[in-house]
Amino acid sequence: MTIPAAILDALAAAHASWQPILREGLQAVARADAGYLPALANSAYLPTDGRLFAAFTQPLDAVRYVLVGEGPYPRAASATGVCFMDGAVAGLWSDQPDGGLSKPVNKATSLRNFIKMLLVADGQLQPGHTSGAAMVSVAVRARAIGSPLVQTLADLQRNLLARGFLLLNAALVYRPEVAAARDARAWLPFLEVVLNALAARIDSDGVPMPAPTLVLWGKVAERLQPLRVIDAFPQALSEHPYNLSFIAHAQMQALFGPLHLLRK
């Protein structure tokens, strides 16, 4: 089946080890719904600027975790093609003496709660005391000269990639005129190909590699249930970070704590 050139051109952003897999995934989408990709190519969707496959920049064999988001942010400045990494956010910490997280981070509710969970997991915050004066104290330490804490969202994203995270959305696109569930269903065959490739990896000696851990938040876990391949993966599930209760989620703290993602 023919894949629209505009979609294929976006594959240039992906690492070479991923490109044949992503092509196979696109073919699976086309087999399930021949009209979907042509219609997508002729529509205005997010992310823009050829970032449709921006999540696949690191080698296939480097993936140790697959963090699956629901879909791109519904704003051009925010949608980067990488889940939970809001392109409109630069600095993490407020530049005000009495501030905690920066205003852009506080506006991005899921990102704000994710960072607070990381701070609790890293021992920078105490459970149940993650706002107000407690956040001001963290920000003061973060802004100090020689602080061990990362300063920007780009720093946090680099740490995630360095620890082997594939930051993937269940629906790779956002279109205001199309129901999110419609795009999510259309990309399921693509996700199945991606996950099958991760489950089937072998190392240079021909030995099967361990499957990466699937990190699933909120309704994403339900959306992936039709894919039988997910049974091959260890899974870490929780409510969506939009919920305040996510900050205190013990399994998420246990998973992310040893990774020290907020440290330089």
C-alpha atoms as a PDB file:
ATOM      1  CA  MET A   1       0.000   0.000   0.000  1.00  0.00           C
ATOM      2  CA  THR A   2       1.204   3.510  -0.792  1.00  0.00           C
ATOM      3  CA  ILE A   3       2.014   5.732   2.185  1.00  0.00           C
ATOM      4  CA  PRO A   4       1.699   9.487   1.530  1.00  0.00           C
ATOM      5  CA  ALA A   5       5.084  11.109   0.892  1.00  0.00           C
ATOM      6  CA  ALA A   6       4.432  13.755   3.544  1.00  0.00           C
ATOM      7  CA  ILE A   7       4.146  11.008   6.167  1.00  0.00           C
ATOM      8  CA  LEU A   8       7.195   9.108   4.902  1.00  0.00           C
ATOM      9  CA  ASP A   9       9.283  12.293   4.907  1.00  0.00           C
ATOM     10  CA  ALA A  10       8.773  12.570   8.680  1.00  0.00           C
ATOM     11  CA  LEU A  11      10.619   9.255   9.133  1.00  0.00           C
ATOM     12  CA  ALA A  12      13.883  11.164   8.600  1.00  0.00           C
ATOM     13  CA  ALA A  13      13.700  12.285  12.243  1.00  0.00           C
ATOM     14  CA  ALA A  14      13.792   8.682  13.503  1.00  0.00           C
ATOM     15  CA  HIS A  15      16.958   6.695  14.219  1.00  0.00           C
ATOM     16  CA  ALA A  16      17.971   4.375  11.388  1.00  0.00           C
ATOM     17  CA  SER A  17      17.298   1.275  13.511  1.00  0.00           C
ATOM     18  CA  TRP A  18      13.656   2.290  13.795  1.00  0.00           C
ATOM     19  CA  GLN A  19      12.921   3.266  10.217  1.00  0.00           C
ATOM     20  CA  PRO A  20      12.026  -0.154   8.741  1.00  0.00           C
ATOM     21  CA  ILE A  21       9.881  -0.867  11.806  1.00  0.00           C
ATOM     22  CA  LEU A  22       8.043   2.439  11.497  1.00  0.00           C
ATOM     23  CA  ARG A  23       7.442   1.816   7.803  1.00  0.00           C
ATOM     24  CA  GLU A  24       5.978  -1.567   8.694  1.00  0.00           C
ATOM     25  CA  GLY A  25       3.825   0.161  11.307  1.00  0.00           C
ATOM     26  CA  LEU A  26       2.517   2.615   8.748  1.00  0.00           C
ATOM     27  CA  GLN A  27       1.691  -0.253   6.416  1.00  0.00           C
ATOM     28  CA  ALA A  28      -0.279  -1.858   9.259  1.00  0.00           C
ATOM     29  CA  VAL A  29      -2.238   1.387   9.719  1.00  0.00           C
ATOM     30  CA  ALA A  30      -2.966   1.479   5.985  1.00  0.00           C
ATOM     31  CA  ARG A  31      -4.131  -2.148   5.939  1.00  0.00           C
ATOM     32  CA  ALA A  32      -6.542  -1.474   8.788  1.00  0.00           C
ATOM     33  CA  ASP A  33      -7.929   1.714   7.204  1.00  0.00           C
ATOM     34  CA  ALA A  34      -6.736   2.576   3.699  1.00  0.00           C
ATOM     35  CA  GLY A  35      -8.110   6.097   3.865  1.00  0.00           C
ATOM     36  CA  TYR A  36      -6.659   7.154   7.199  1.00  0.00           C
ATOM     37  CA  LEU A  37      -3.114   8.206   6.283  1.00  0.00           C
ATOM     38  CA  PRO A  38      -4.079  10.020   3.047  1.00  0.00           C
ATOM     39  CA  ALA A  39      -6.706  11.985   4.976  1.00  0.00           C
ATOM     40  CA  LEU A  40      -4.171  12.722   7.710  1.00  0.00           C
ATOM     41  CA  ALA A  41      -1.578  13.945   5.203  1.00  0.00           C
ATOM     42  CA  ASN A  42      -4.127  16.385   3.788  1.00  0.00           C
ATOM     43  CA  SER A  43      -5.146  17.768   7.164  1.00  0.00           C
ATOM     44  CA  ALA A  44      -3.582  20.163   9.652  1.00  0.00           C
ATOM     45  CA  TYR A  45      -2.343  18.100  12.570  1.00  0.00           C
ATOM     46  CA  LEU A  46      -0.014  18.389  15.518  1.00  0.00           C
ATOM     47  CA  PRO A  47       2.910  17.988  15.951  1.00  0.00           C
ATOM     48  CA  THR A  48       4.134  20.217  13.143  1.00  0.00           C
ATOM     49  CA  ASP A  49       7.543  20.631  11.484  1.00  0.00           C
ATOM     50  CA  GLY A  50       8.137  16.980  10.649  1.00  0.00           C
ATOM     51  CA  ARG A  51       8.048  15.835  14.289  1.00  0.00           C
ATOM     52  CA  LEU A  52       5.543  13.012  13.822  1.00  0.00           C
ATOM     53  CA  PHE A  53       8.174  10.388  14.738  1.00  0.00           C
ATOM     54  CA  ALA A  54      10.301  12.535  17.047  1.00  0.00           C
ATOM     55  CA  ALA A  55       9.941   9.951  19.833  1.00  0.00           C
ATOM     56  CA  PHE A  56      12.160   7.510  17.901  1.00  0.00           C
ATOM     57  CA  THR A  57      15.475   9.361  17.965  1.00  0.00           C
ATOM     58  CA  GLN A  58      17.448   6.830  19.997  1.00  0.00           C
ATOM     59  CA  PRO A  59      18.460   3.340  18.845  1.00  0.00           C
ATOM     60  CA  LEU A  60      15.984   0.495  19.165  1.00  0.00           C
ATOM     61  CA  ASP A  61      18.340  -1.461  21.425  1.00  0.00           C
ATOM     62  CA  ALA A  62      18.740   1.494  23.829  1.00  0.00           C
ATOM     63  CA  VAL A  63      15.091   1.360  24.957  1.00  0.00           C
ATOM     64  CA  ARG A  64      14.639   0.201  28.563  1.00  0.00           C
ATOM     65  CA  TYR A  65      11.284   1.836  29.324  1.00  0.00           C
ATOM     66  CA  VAL A  66       8.305   2.787  27.153  1.00  0.00           C
ATOM     67  CA  LEU A  67       6.341   5.666  28.640  1.00  0.00           C
ATOM     68  CA  VAL A  68       3.064   5.939  26.748  1.00  0.00           C
ATOM     69  CA  GLY A  69       1.084   9.174  26.757  1.00  0.00           C
ATOM     70  CA  GLU A  70      -2.415   9.693  25.397  1.00  0.00           C
ATOM     71  CA  GLY A  71      -1.633  12.109  22.567  1.00  0.00           C
ATOM     72  CA  PRO A  72       0.100  15.354  21.617  1.00  0.00           C
ATOM     73  CA  TYR A  73      -0.669  18.561  23.464  1.00  0.00           C
ATOM     74  CA  PRO A  74      -3.428  20.470  21.624  1.00  0.00           C
ATOM     75  CA  ARG A  75      -1.191  23.517  21.076  1.00  0.00           C
ATOM     76  CA  ALA A  76       1.400  23.912  18.334  1.00  0.00           C
ATOM     77  CA  ALA A  77       4.031  25.341  20.681  1.00  0.00           C
ATOM     78  CA  SER A  78       3.586  22.455  23.129  1.00  0.00           C
ATOM     79  CA  ALA A  79       3.251  19.435  20.808  1.00  0.00           C
ATOM     80  CA  THR A  80       6.770  18.092  20.225  1.00  0.00           C
ATOM     81  CA  GLY A  81       6.053  14.499  19.167  1.00  0.00           C
ATOM     82  CA  VAL A  82       7.470  13.359  22.514  1.00  0.00           C
ATOM     83  CA  CYS A  83       4.983  12.494  25.244  1.00  0.00           C
ATOM     84  CA  PHE A  84       4.688  14.761  28.294  1.00  0.00           C
ATOM     85  CA  MET A  85       7.482  17.044  27.081  1.00  0.00           C
ATOM     86  CA  ASP A  86       5.720  20.393  26.616  1.00  0.00           C
ATOM     87  CA  GLY A  87       7.600  22.476  24.046  1.00  0.00           C
ATOM     88  CA  ALA A  88       6.251  25.684  25.576  1.00  0.00           C
ATOM     89  CA  VAL A  89       8.140  24.987  28.819  1.00  0.00           C
ATOM     90  CA  ALA A  90      11.761  26.095  29.140  1.00  0.00           C
ATOM     91  CA  GLY A  91      12.914  26.592  32.726  1.00  0.00           C
ATOM     92  CA  LEU A  92      11.567  24.338  35.490  1.00  0.00           C
ATOM     93  CA  TRP A  93      11.993  26.719  38.409  1.00  0.00           C
ATOM     94  CA  SER A  94      10.391  30.073  39.139  1.00  0.00           C
ATOM     95  CA  ASP A  95      12.715  33.052  38.919  1.00  0.00           C
ATOM     96  CA  GLN A  96      10.859  34.699  41.811  1.00  0.00           C
ATOM     97  CA  PRO A  97      12.369  34.465  45.330  1.00  0.00           C
ATOM     98  CA  ASP A  98       9.068  33.191  46.711  1.00  0.00           C
ATOM     99  CA  GLY A  99       8.293  30.925  43.745  1.00  0.00           C
ATOM    100  CA  GLY A 100       8.495  27.161  43.313  1.00  0.00           C
ATOM    101  CA  LEU A 101       8.039  25.664  39.861  1.00  0.00           C
ATOM    102  CA  SER A 102       7.892  28.063  36.933  1.00  0.00           C
ATOM    103  CA  LYS A 103       4.544  29.378  35.697  1.00  0.00           C
ATOM    104  CA  PRO A 104       4.647  27.313  32.463  1.00  0.00           C
ATOM    105  CA  VAL A 105       5.256  24.134  34.485  1.00  0.00           C
ATOM    106  CA  ASN A 106       2.424  24.954  36.880  1.00  0.00           C
ATOM    107  CA  LYS A 107       0.085  25.465  33.925  1.00  0.00           C
ATOM    108  CA  ALA A 108       1.005  22.034  32.532  1.00  0.00           C
ATOM    109  CA  THR A 109      -0.768  20.057  35.259  1.00  0.00           C
ATOM    110  CA  SER A 110       0.480  16.590  34.336  1.00  0.00           C
ATOM    111  CA  LEU A 111       4.070  17.774  33.981  1.00  0.00           C
ATOM    112  CA  ARG A 112       3.848  19.634  37.301  1.00  0.00           C
ATOM    113  CA  ASN A 113       2.638  16.529  39.149  1.00  0.00           C
ATOM    114  CA  PHE A 114       5.228  14.353  37.413  1.00  0.00           C
ATOM    115  CA  ILE A 115       8.022  16.655  38.593  1.00  0.00           C
ATOM    116  CA  LYS A 116       6.625  16.719  42.115  1.00  0.00           C
ATOM    117  CA  MET A 117       6.487  12.919  42.144  1.00  0.00           C
ATOM    118  CA  LEU A 118      10.126  12.848  41.013  1.00  0.00           C
ATOM    119  CA  LEU A 119      11.060  15.255  43.819  1.00  0.00           C
ATOM    120  CA  VAL A 120       9.356  13.020  46.399  1.00  0.00           C
ATOM    121  CA  ALA A 121      11.001   9.919  44.925  1.00  0.00           C
ATOM    122  CA  ASP A 122      14.385  11.644  45.079  1.00  0.00           C
ATOM    123  CA  GLY A 123      13.940  12.759  48.688  1.00  0.00           C
ATOM    124  CA  GLN A 124      13.735  16.435  47.763  1.00  0.00           C
ATOM    125  CA  LEU A 125      10.145  16.699  49.034  1.00  0.00           C
ATOM    126  CA  GLN A 126       8.253  14.955  51.801  1.00  0.00           C
ATOM    127  CA  PRO A 127       5.046  13.082  50.876  1.00  0.00           C
ATOM    128  CA  GLY A 128       2.036  15.218  51.688  1.00  0.00           C
ATOM    129  CA  HIS A 129       4.085  18.431  51.625  1.00  0.00           C
ATOM    130  CA  THR A 130       4.503  19.203  47.940  1.00  0.00           C
ATOM    131  CA  SER A 131       3.214  22.755  47.597  1.00  0.00           C
ATOM    132  CA  GLY A 132       3.656  26.205  49.092  1.00  0.00           C
ATOM    133  CA  ALA A 133       6.717  26.707  51.277  1.00  0.00           C
ATOM    134  CA  ALA A 134       8.034  23.222  50.513  1.00  0.00           C
ATOM    135  CA  MET A 135       8.265  23.991  46.787  1.00  0.00           C
ATOM    136  CA  VAL A 136       9.835  27.385  47.479  1.00  0.00           C
ATOM    137  CA  SER A 137      12.606  25.657  49.440  1.00  0.00           C
ATOM    138  CA  VAL A 138      13.252  23.230  46.583  1.00  0.00           C
ATOM    139  CA  ALA A 139      13.386  26.072  44.056  1.00  0.00           C
ATOM    140  CA  VAL A 140      15.858  28.007  46.213  1.00  0.00           C
ATOM    141  CA  ARG A 141      18.150  24.978  46.236  1.00  0.00           C
ATOM    142  CA  ALA A 142      17.644  24.426  42.515  1.00  0.00           C
ATOM    143  CA  ARG A 143      18.565  28.007  41.613  1.00  0.00           C
ATOM    144  CA  ALA A 144      21.676  28.080  43.791  1.00  0.00           C
ATOM    145  CA  ILE A 145      25.054  28.187  42.096  1.00  0.00           C
ATOM    146  CA  GLY A 146      26.366  24.660  41.725  1.00  0.00           C
ATOM    147  CA  SER A 147      22.941  23.101  42.283  1.00  0.00           C
ATOM    148  CA  PRO A 148      22.827  19.384  41.408  1.00  0.00           C
ATOM    149  CA  LEU A 149      19.292  19.757  40.012  1.00  0.00           C
ATOM    150  CA  VAL A 150      18.481  20.148  36.312  1.00  0.00           C
ATOM    151  CA  GLN A 151      17.284  23.566  35.236  1.00  0.00           C
ATOM    152  CA  THR A 152      15.200  23.047  32.102  1.00  0.00           C
ATOM    153  CA  LEU A 153      12.681  20.647  30.636  1.00  0.00           C
ATOM    154  CA  ALA A 154      15.218  19.895  27.900  1.00  0.00           C
ATOM    155  CA  ASP A 155      17.597  18.718  30.654  1.00  0.00           C
ATOM    156  CA  LEU A 156      14.890  16.421  32.029  1.00  0.00           C
ATOM    157  CA  GLN A 157      14.165  15.036  28.564  1.00  0.00           C
ATOM    158  CA  ARG A 158      17.863  14.317  27.993  1.00  0.00           C
ATOM    159  CA  ASN A 159      17.963  12.417  31.287  1.00  0.00           C
ATOM    160  CA  LEU A 160      14.912  10.376  30.301  1.00  0.00           C
ATOM    161  CA  LEU A 161      16.513   9.450  26.996  1.00  0.00           C
ATOM    162  CA  ALA A 162      19.827   8.650  28.673  1.00  0.00           C
ATOM    163  CA  ARG A 163      18.011   6.208  30.996  1.00  0.00           C
ATOM    164  CA  GLY A 164      16.484   4.473  27.984  1.00  0.00           C
ATOM    165  CA  PHE A 165      12.971   5.946  27.816  1.00  0.00           C
ATOM    166  CA  LEU A 166      10.946   5.810  24.624  1.00  0.00           C
ATOM    167  CA  LEU A 167       8.518   8.705  25.118  1.00  0.00           C
ATOM    168  CA  LEU A 168       5.639   7.651  22.887  1.00  0.00           C
ATOM    169  CA  ASN A 169       2.057   8.804  22.506  1.00  0.00           C
ATOM    170  CA  ALA A 170      -0.727   6.273  21.913  1.00  0.00           C
ATOM    171  CA  ALA A 171      -2.127   8.607  19.255  1.00  0.00           C
ATOM    172  CA  LEU A 172       0.714  10.230  17.325  1.00  0.00           C
ATOM    173  CA  VAL A 173      -1.400  13.183  16.177  1.00  0.00           C
ATOM    174  CA  TYR A 174      -3.898  15.737  17.437  1.00  0.00           C
ATOM    175  CA  ARG A 175      -6.572  17.287  15.244  1.00  0.00           C
ATOM    176  CA  PRO A 176      -9.293  19.482  16.768  1.00  0.00           C
ATOM    177  CA  GLU A 177     -11.868  18.324  14.230  1.00  0.00           C
ATOM    178  CA  VAL A 178     -11.268  14.592  14.865  1.00  0.00           C
ATOM    179  CA  ALA A 179     -12.242  12.763  18.032  1.00  0.00           C
ATOM    180  CA  ALA A 180      -9.154  11.742  19.993  1.00  0.00           C
ATOM    181  CA  ALA A 181     -10.502   8.186  20.257  1.00  0.00           C
ATOM    182  CA  ARG A 182     -10.648   7.955  16.446  1.00  0.00           C
ATOM    183  CA  ASP A 183      -6.969   8.824  16.023  1.00  0.00           C
ATOM    184  CA  ALA A 184      -6.009   6.552  18.924  1.00  0.00           C
ATOM    185  CA  ARG A 185      -7.789   3.577  17.300  1.00  0.00           C
ATOM    186  CA  ALA A 186      -6.142   4.292  13.957  1.00  0.00           C
ATOM    187  CA  TRP A 187      -2.639   4.157  15.462  1.00  0.00           C
ATOM    188  CA  LEU A 188      -3.148   0.904  17.390  1.00  0.00           C
ATOM    189  CA  PRO A 189      -1.769  -1.262  14.534  1.00  0.00           C
ATOM    190  CA  PHE A 190       1.309   0.982  14.468  1.00  0.00           C
ATOM    191  CA  LEU A 191       1.823   0.584  18.220  1.00  0.00           C
ATOM    192  CA  GLU A 192       1.461  -3.169  17.873  1.00  0.00           C
ATOM    193  CA  VAL A 193       4.300  -3.280  15.334  1.00  0.00           C
ATOM    194  CA  VAL A 194       6.492  -1.080  17.555  1.00  0.00           C
ATOM    195  CA  LEU A 195       5.873  -3.229  20.630  1.00  0.00           C
ATOM    196  CA  ASN A 196       6.414  -6.470  18.727  1.00  0.00           C
ATOM    197  CA  ALA A 197       9.790  -5.140  17.577  1.00  0.00           C
ATOM    198  CA  LEU A 198      10.757  -4.268  21.153  1.00  0.00           C
ATOM    199  CA  ALA A 199       9.649  -7.673  22.432  1.00  0.00           C
ATOM    200  CA  ALA A 200      11.647  -9.498  19.736  1.00  0.00           C
ATOM    201  CA  ARG A 201      15.029  -7.788  20.187  1.00  0.00           C
ATOM    202  CA  ILE A 202      18.181  -9.896  20.318  1.00  0.00           C
ATOM    203  CA  ASP A 203      21.686  -8.759  21.218  1.00  0.00           C
ATOM    204  CA  SER A 204      24.857  -9.086  19.142  1.00  0.00           C
ATOM    205  CA  ASP A 205      25.359 -12.659  20.428  1.00  0.00           C
ATOM    206  CA  GLY A 206      21.886 -13.708  19.341  1.00  0.00           C
ATOM    207  CA  VAL A 207      20.539 -13.737  22.903  1.00  0.00           C
ATOM    208  CA  PRO A 208      17.006 -12.369  23.447  1.00  0.00           C
ATOM    209  CA  MET A 209      17.015  -8.991  25.177  1.00  0.00           C
ATOM    210  CA  PRO A 210      14.694  -8.327  28.119  1.00  0.00           C
ATOM    211  CA  ALA A 211      11.503  -6.547  27.165  1.00  0.00           C
ATOM    212  CA  PRO A 212      11.430  -2.927  28.338  1.00  0.00           C
ATOM    213  CA  THR A 213       9.022  -1.866  31.070  1.00  0.00           C
ATOM    214  CA  LEU A 214       5.759  -0.363  29.865  1.00  0.00           C
ATOM    215  CA  VAL A 215       4.820   2.679  31.933  1.00  0.00           C
ATOM    216  CA  LEU A 216       1.098   3.286  31.470  1.00  0.00           C
ATOM    217  CA  TRP A 217      -0.845   6.128  33.034  1.00  0.00           C
ATOM    218  CA  GLY A 218      -4.629   6.431  33.157  1.00  0.00           C
ATOM    219  CA  LYS A 219      -6.764   5.405  30.210  1.00  0.00           C
ATOM    220  CA  VAL A 220      -3.751   4.560  28.053  1.00  0.00           C
ATOM    221  CA  ALA A 221      -3.587   1.175  29.753  1.00  0.00           C
ATOM    222  CA  GLU A 222      -7.169   0.478  28.668  1.00  0.00           C
ATOM    223  CA  ARG A 223      -6.461   1.566  25.086  1.00  0.00           C
ATOM    224  CA  LEU A 224      -3.586  -0.885  24.780  1.00  0.00           C
ATOM    225  CA  GLN A 225      -5.495  -3.870  26.153  1.00  0.00           C
ATOM    226  CA  PRO A 226      -6.519  -5.104  22.656  1.00  0.00           C
ATOM    227  CA  LEU A 227      -2.818  -5.603  21.868  1.00  0.00           C
ATOM    228  CA  ARG A 228      -1.936  -9.086  23.126  1.00  0.00           C
ATOM    229  CA  VAL A 229       1.766  -8.278  22.797  1.00  0.00           C
ATOM    230  CA  ILE A 230       1.638  -6.130  25.945  1.00  0.00           C
ATOM    231  CA  ASP A 231       1.552  -9.344  27.993  1.00  0.00           C
ATOM    232  CA  ALA A 232       5.217  -9.812  27.010  1.00  0.00           C
ATOM    233  CA  PHE A 233       6.218  -6.655  28.901  1.00  0.00           C
ATOM    234  CA  PRO A 234       6.663  -5.854  32.579  1.00  0.00           C
ATOM    235  CA  GLN A 235       4.172  -3.091  33.319  1.00  0.00           C
ATOM    236  CA  ALA A 236       3.974  -0.187  35.754  1.00  0.00           C
ATOM    237  CA  LEU A 237       0.481   1.312  35.916  1.00  0.00           C
ATOM    238  CA  SER A 238      -1.000   4.270  37.741  1.00  0.00           C
ATOM    239  CA  GLU A 239      -3.587   6.979  37.458  1.00  0.00           C
ATOM    240  CA  HIS A 240      -2.826   9.784  35.004  1.00  0.00           C
ATOM    241  CA  PRO A 241      -0.461  12.474  36.360  1.00  0.00           C
ATOM    242  CA  TYR A 242      -3.275  14.987  35.915  1.00  0.00           C
ATOM    243  CA  ASN A 243      -4.523  13.633  39.264  1.00  0.00           C
ATOM    244  CA  LEU A 244      -2.881  14.976  42.426  1.00  0.00           C
ATOM    245  CA  SER A 245      -2.850  11.456  43.851  1.00  0.00           C
ATOM    246  CA  PHE A 246      -0.203  10.556  41.251  1.00  0.00           C
ATOM    247  CA  ILE A 247       2.413  12.436  43.290  1.00  0.00           C
ATOM    248  CA  ALA A 248       2.150   9.898  46.109  1.00  0.00           C
ATOM    249  CA  HIS A 249       1.928   6.772  43.922  1.00  0.00           C
ATOM    250  CA  ALA A 250       4.285   4.263  45.561  1.00  0.00           C
ATOM    251  CA  GLN A 251       4.979   2.178  42.435  1.00  0.00           C
ATOM    252  CA  MET A 252       5.863   5.266  40.403  1.00  0.00           C
ATOM    253  CA  GLN A 253       8.179   6.474  43.152  1.00  0.00           C
ATOM    254  CA  ALA A 254       9.857   3.057  43.304  1.00  0.00           C
ATOM    255  CA  LEU A 255      10.308   3.006  39.539  1.00  0.00           C
ATOM    256  CA  PHE A 256      11.596   6.541  39.078  1.00  0.00           C
ATOM    257  CA  GLY A 257      13.443   7.125  42.356  1.00  0.00           C
ATOM    258  CA  PRO A 258      16.628   5.187  41.472  1.00  0.00           C
ATOM    259  CA  LEU A 259      16.832   6.993  38.110  1.00  0.00           C
ATOM    260  CA  HIS A 260      17.405  10.454  39.660  1.00  0.00           C
ATOM    261  CA  LEU A 261      15.944  12.187  36.633  1.00  0.00           C
ATOM    262  CA  LEU A 262      16.068  15.650  38.193  1.00  0.00           C
ATOM    263  CA  ARG A 263      19.800  15.489  38.881  1.00  0.00           C
ATOM    264  CA  LYS A 264      22.433  16.732  36.455  1.00  0.00           C
END
